[in-house]
Each structure stands twice: as C-alpha cells, then as structure tokens.
N, C-alpha and C. Protein backbone atom coordinates (compact mmCIF):
# COMPACT_ATOMS: atom_id res chain seq x y z
N MET A 1 0.99 -1.29 -0.08
CA MET A 1 -0.27 0.13 0.04
C MET A 1 1.08 1.03 -0.04
N MET A 2 0.46 2.36 -0.42
CA MET A 2 0.91 3.49 -0.52
C MET A 2 0.22 4.63 0.17
N GLU A 3 0.98 6.02 0.42
CA GLU A 3 0.05 6.73 1.09
C GLU A 3 -0.40 7.64 -0.01
N LEU A 4 -1.64 7.39 -0.14
CA LEU A 4 -2.41 8.69 -0.74
C LEU A 4 -2.32 10.07 -0.02
N THR A 5 -2.75 10.36 1.23
CA THR A 5 -2.75 11.59 1.72
C THR A 5 -2.76 11.14 2.89
N ARG A 6 -2.48 12.47 3.97
CA ARG A 6 -2.64 12.91 5.42
C ARG A 6 -3.08 14.01 6.03
N SER A 7 -3.97 13.73 7.16
CA SER A 7 -4.77 14.79 7.13
C SER A 7 -5.42 14.82 8.61
N ASN A 8 -5.76 16.27 9.02
CA ASN A 8 -6.36 15.84 10.58
C ASN A 8 -7.98 16.40 10.09
N ASP A 9 -8.27 16.38 9.00
CA ASP A 9 -9.42 17.06 8.47
C ASP A 9 -10.63 16.17 8.52
N VAL A 10 -11.22 15.79 9.40
CA VAL A 10 -12.23 14.67 9.85
C VAL A 10 -13.35 14.80 8.77
N VAL A 11 -13.62 15.98 7.95
CA VAL A 11 -14.87 15.83 6.95
C VAL A 11 -14.38 15.57 5.81
N LEU A 12 -12.95 15.86 5.42
CA LEU A 12 -12.35 15.33 4.13
C LEU A 12 -12.07 13.99 4.25
N LEU A 13 -11.59 13.35 5.38
CA LEU A 13 -11.22 11.75 5.54
C LEU A 13 -12.48 11.27 5.39
N SER A 14 -13.42 11.36 6.18
CA SER A 14 -14.70 11.09 5.84
C SER A 14 -15.13 10.80 4.58
N TRP A 15 -15.32 11.91 3.73
CA TRP A 15 -15.83 11.93 2.74
C TRP A 15 -15.10 11.30 1.74
N LEU A 16 -13.43 11.33 2.04
CA LEU A 16 -12.67 10.55 0.67
C LEU A 16 -12.48 9.05 1.42
N ARG A 17 -12.90 8.63 2.35
CA ARG A 17 -13.18 7.14 2.81
C ARG A 17 -14.58 6.72 1.92
N ALA A 18 -15.48 7.40 2.23
CA ALA A 18 -16.86 7.21 1.63
C ALA A 18 -16.62 6.85 0.01
N ARG A 19 -16.21 7.70 -0.70
CA ARG A 19 -15.66 7.84 -2.23
C ARG A 19 -14.45 6.61 -2.73
N LEU A 20 -13.84 6.52 -1.77
CA LEU A 20 -12.92 5.62 -2.29
C LEU A 20 -13.67 4.13 -2.16
N ALA A 21 -14.36 3.85 -1.23
CA ALA A 21 -15.31 2.98 -0.85
C ALA A 21 -16.32 2.53 -2.00
N GLY A 22 -16.69 3.60 -2.37
CA GLY A 22 -17.77 3.61 -3.63
C GLY A 22 -17.51 3.30 -4.89
N ALA A 23 -16.13 3.95 -5.04
CA ALA A 23 -15.19 3.24 -6.23
C ALA A 23 -14.49 1.96 -6.20
N GLY A 24 -14.68 1.58 -5.02
CA GLY A 24 -14.32 -0.14 -5.16
C GLY A 24 -12.45 -0.09 -5.03
N ILE A 25 -12.14 0.90 -4.58
CA ILE A 25 -10.71 0.96 -4.19
C ILE A 25 -10.20 0.46 -2.98
N GLU A 26 -9.38 -0.49 -2.66
CA GLU A 26 -8.73 -1.08 -1.71
C GLU A 26 -8.16 0.30 -0.61
N PHE A 27 -8.43 0.38 0.39
CA PHE A 27 -7.88 1.03 1.11
C PHE A 27 -7.76 0.95 2.58
N ALA A 28 -6.84 1.53 3.66
CA ALA A 28 -6.68 1.29 4.98
C ALA A 28 -6.49 2.99 5.56
N VAL A 29 -6.91 2.82 6.56
CA VAL A 29 -6.44 4.24 7.49
C VAL A 29 -5.65 4.05 8.34
N PHE A 30 -4.72 4.66 8.46
CA PHE A 30 -3.52 4.29 9.53
C PHE A 30 -3.54 5.66 10.18
N ASP A 31 -3.18 5.74 11.88
CA ASP A 31 -2.98 6.62 12.62
C ASP A 31 -4.42 7.48 13.08
N ALA A 32 -5.65 6.75 12.62
CA ALA A 32 -6.90 7.52 13.14
C ALA A 32 -7.23 7.28 14.60
N HIS A 33 -6.85 6.36 15.48
CA HIS A 33 -7.04 6.49 16.73
C HIS A 33 -5.92 7.44 17.32
N THR A 34 -4.72 7.50 16.89
CA THR A 34 -3.89 8.29 17.45
C THR A 34 -4.24 9.66 17.19
N SER A 35 -4.71 9.91 15.90
CA SER A 35 -4.95 11.43 15.40
C SER A 35 -6.33 11.76 16.42
N SER A 36 -7.23 10.92 16.52
CA SER A 36 -8.47 11.64 17.19
C SER A 36 -8.17 11.57 18.63
N ALA A 37 -7.48 11.04 19.25
CA ALA A 37 -6.90 11.28 20.81
C ALA A 37 -6.43 12.61 20.86
N TYR A 38 -6.03 13.36 20.00
CA TYR A 38 -5.78 14.32 20.24
C TYR A 38 -6.63 15.60 19.39
N MET A 39 -7.53 15.15 19.14
CA MET A 39 -8.65 15.75 18.30
C MET A 39 -8.07 16.74 17.22
N GLY A 40 -6.75 16.06 16.46
CA GLY A 40 -6.35 16.92 15.22
C GLY A 40 -5.40 18.05 15.60
N GLY A 41 -5.51 17.93 16.93
CA GLY A 41 -4.45 19.24 17.81
C GLY A 41 -2.86 19.01 17.22
N LEU A 42 -2.50 17.90 17.02
CA LEU A 42 -0.79 17.60 16.60
C LEU A 42 -0.79 17.15 15.01
N ALA A 43 -0.34 17.93 14.32
CA ALA A 43 -0.13 18.10 13.01
C ALA A 43 0.78 16.84 12.62
N ALA A 44 1.89 16.56 13.51
CA ALA A 44 2.60 15.44 13.41
C ALA A 44 1.74 14.03 13.46
N VAL A 45 0.76 13.97 13.96
CA VAL A 45 -0.13 12.73 14.16
C VAL A 45 -1.39 12.58 13.38
N ALA A 46 -1.22 12.75 11.95
CA ALA A 46 -2.54 12.77 11.54
C ALA A 46 -2.80 11.63 10.72
N SER A 47 -4.14 11.30 10.54
CA SER A 47 -4.26 9.94 9.56
C SER A 47 -4.11 9.99 8.22
N ARG A 48 -3.50 8.65 7.89
CA ARG A 48 -2.87 8.37 6.63
C ARG A 48 -4.08 7.47 5.91
N ILE A 49 -4.39 7.98 4.66
CA ILE A 49 -5.06 7.18 3.85
C ILE A 49 -3.90 6.37 2.92
N MET A 50 -4.23 4.95 2.92
CA MET A 50 -3.32 4.09 2.19
C MET A 50 -3.92 3.66 1.14
N VAL A 51 -3.50 3.43 0.05
CA VAL A 51 -4.18 2.68 -1.32
C VAL A 51 -3.67 1.75 -1.97
N VAL A 52 -4.20 0.83 -2.09
CA VAL A 52 -3.52 -0.46 -3.27
C VAL A 52 -2.63 0.50 -4.34
N GLU A 53 -1.51 0.09 -4.67
CA GLU A 53 -0.57 0.79 -5.64
C GLU A 53 -1.33 0.73 -7.12
N ASP A 54 -1.90 -0.23 -7.31
CA ASP A 54 -2.37 -0.34 -8.84
C ASP A 54 -3.50 0.53 -9.00
N GLN A 55 -4.37 0.76 -7.89
CA GLN A 55 -5.31 1.86 -7.97
C GLN A 55 -4.97 3.16 -7.19
N MET A 56 -3.85 3.94 -7.18
CA MET A 56 -3.48 4.64 -6.79
C MET A 56 -4.13 6.16 -7.99
N PRO A 57 -3.83 5.61 -9.02
CA PRO A 57 -4.29 6.65 -9.90
C PRO A 57 -6.05 7.14 -9.87
N LEU A 58 -6.59 6.34 -9.82
CA LEU A 58 -8.04 6.68 -9.45
C LEU A 58 -8.42 7.33 -8.04
N ALA A 59 -7.37 6.90 -7.13
CA ALA A 59 -7.57 7.35 -5.90
C ALA A 59 -7.12 8.77 -5.60
N ARG A 60 -5.98 9.30 -6.58
CA ARG A 60 -5.78 10.66 -6.78
C ARG A 60 -6.47 11.63 -7.37
N ILE A 61 -7.50 10.99 -8.37
CA ILE A 61 -8.50 12.11 -8.81
C ILE A 61 -9.39 12.10 -7.86
N ILE A 62 -9.92 11.55 -7.37
CA ILE A 62 -11.06 11.17 -6.20
C ILE A 62 -10.73 12.19 -5.05
N LEU A 63 -9.20 11.82 -4.64
CA LEU A 63 -8.41 13.20 -3.77
C LEU A 63 -8.39 14.40 -4.24
N ALA A 64 -8.17 14.71 -5.58
CA ALA A 64 -8.25 16.23 -6.22
C ALA A 64 -9.57 16.60 -6.45
N GLU A 65 -10.81 15.87 -6.31
CA GLU A 65 -12.12 16.13 -6.61
C GLU A 65 -12.22 16.56 -5.04
N GLY A 66 -12.22 15.74 -3.89
CA GLY A 66 -12.46 16.55 -2.65
C GLY A 66 -11.60 17.47 -2.10
N ARG A 67 -10.40 17.99 -2.84
CA ARG A 67 -9.65 19.14 -2.38
C ARG A 67 -10.53 20.47 -3.24
N ARG A 68 -10.88 20.03 -4.21
CA ARG A 68 -11.44 21.14 -5.23
C ARG A 68 -12.86 21.81 -4.32
N ILE A 69 -13.67 20.78 -3.95
CA ILE A 69 -14.83 20.72 -3.28
C ILE A 69 -14.68 21.58 -2.40
N GLN A 70 -13.38 21.21 -1.37
CA GLN A 70 -13.17 22.01 -0.07
C GLN A 70 -12.69 23.20 -0.48
N SER A 71 -11.86 23.59 -1.31
CA SER A 71 -11.48 24.89 -1.67
C SER A 71 -12.56 25.78 -2.09
N ALA A 72 -13.31 25.21 -2.93
CA ALA A 72 -14.75 26.08 -3.18
C ALA A 72 -15.52 26.43 -2.00
N GLN A 73 -15.55 25.27 -0.92
CA GLN A 73 -16.63 26.08 0.11
C GLN A 73 -15.80 26.75 0.91
N ARG A 74 -14.50 26.64 1.01
CA ARG A 74 -13.74 28.05 1.81
C ARG A 74 -13.58 29.31 1.25
N ASN A 75 -13.93 29.32 -0.29
CA ASN A 75 -14.14 30.64 -0.73
C ASN A 75 -15.52 31.15 -0.85
N GLN A 76 -16.48 30.61 -0.47
CA GLN A 76 -18.07 30.98 -0.46
C GLN A 76 -17.87 32.37 0.44
C-alpha cells in the first residue's frame, strides 16, 4: 500500500473514505485512533489514507475532487 494523503481534517477524511469505498478502491486508514486522541491538535499525528498501488491513479483523481470541493467551500 502507498500513502494517498495524510490529514487531520475529519470531514475530508470521511468524504474520502466514502468515495474510495464507493469506487471499489482498496484502502486502509492508519493512525486514525492516535490522531483522534489529540482531536487533530497535533499536525505530526495525522490520519493517513493508504491505497493499493495499482489503484492509486483513480484514488488521486478522487482526492483532487475532494480538495476542489473543499477549496470552493472555503471561498464562498
């Protein structure tokens, strides 16, 4: 597995998990419990989304979609 992203943004992580699952992409979340113990307060302890290597291109497209949505919402 390869790291797709790491983040403390629980909304982005939740959305990303749902979209990856919906696309049938195999993934795992690393450090989720450690990150949540500090309520996202420690940048050094972010949750990591790991994806199977051969599914990484589609996963990156989905991540880019999420970041575009997130950026558009911040600019409203």
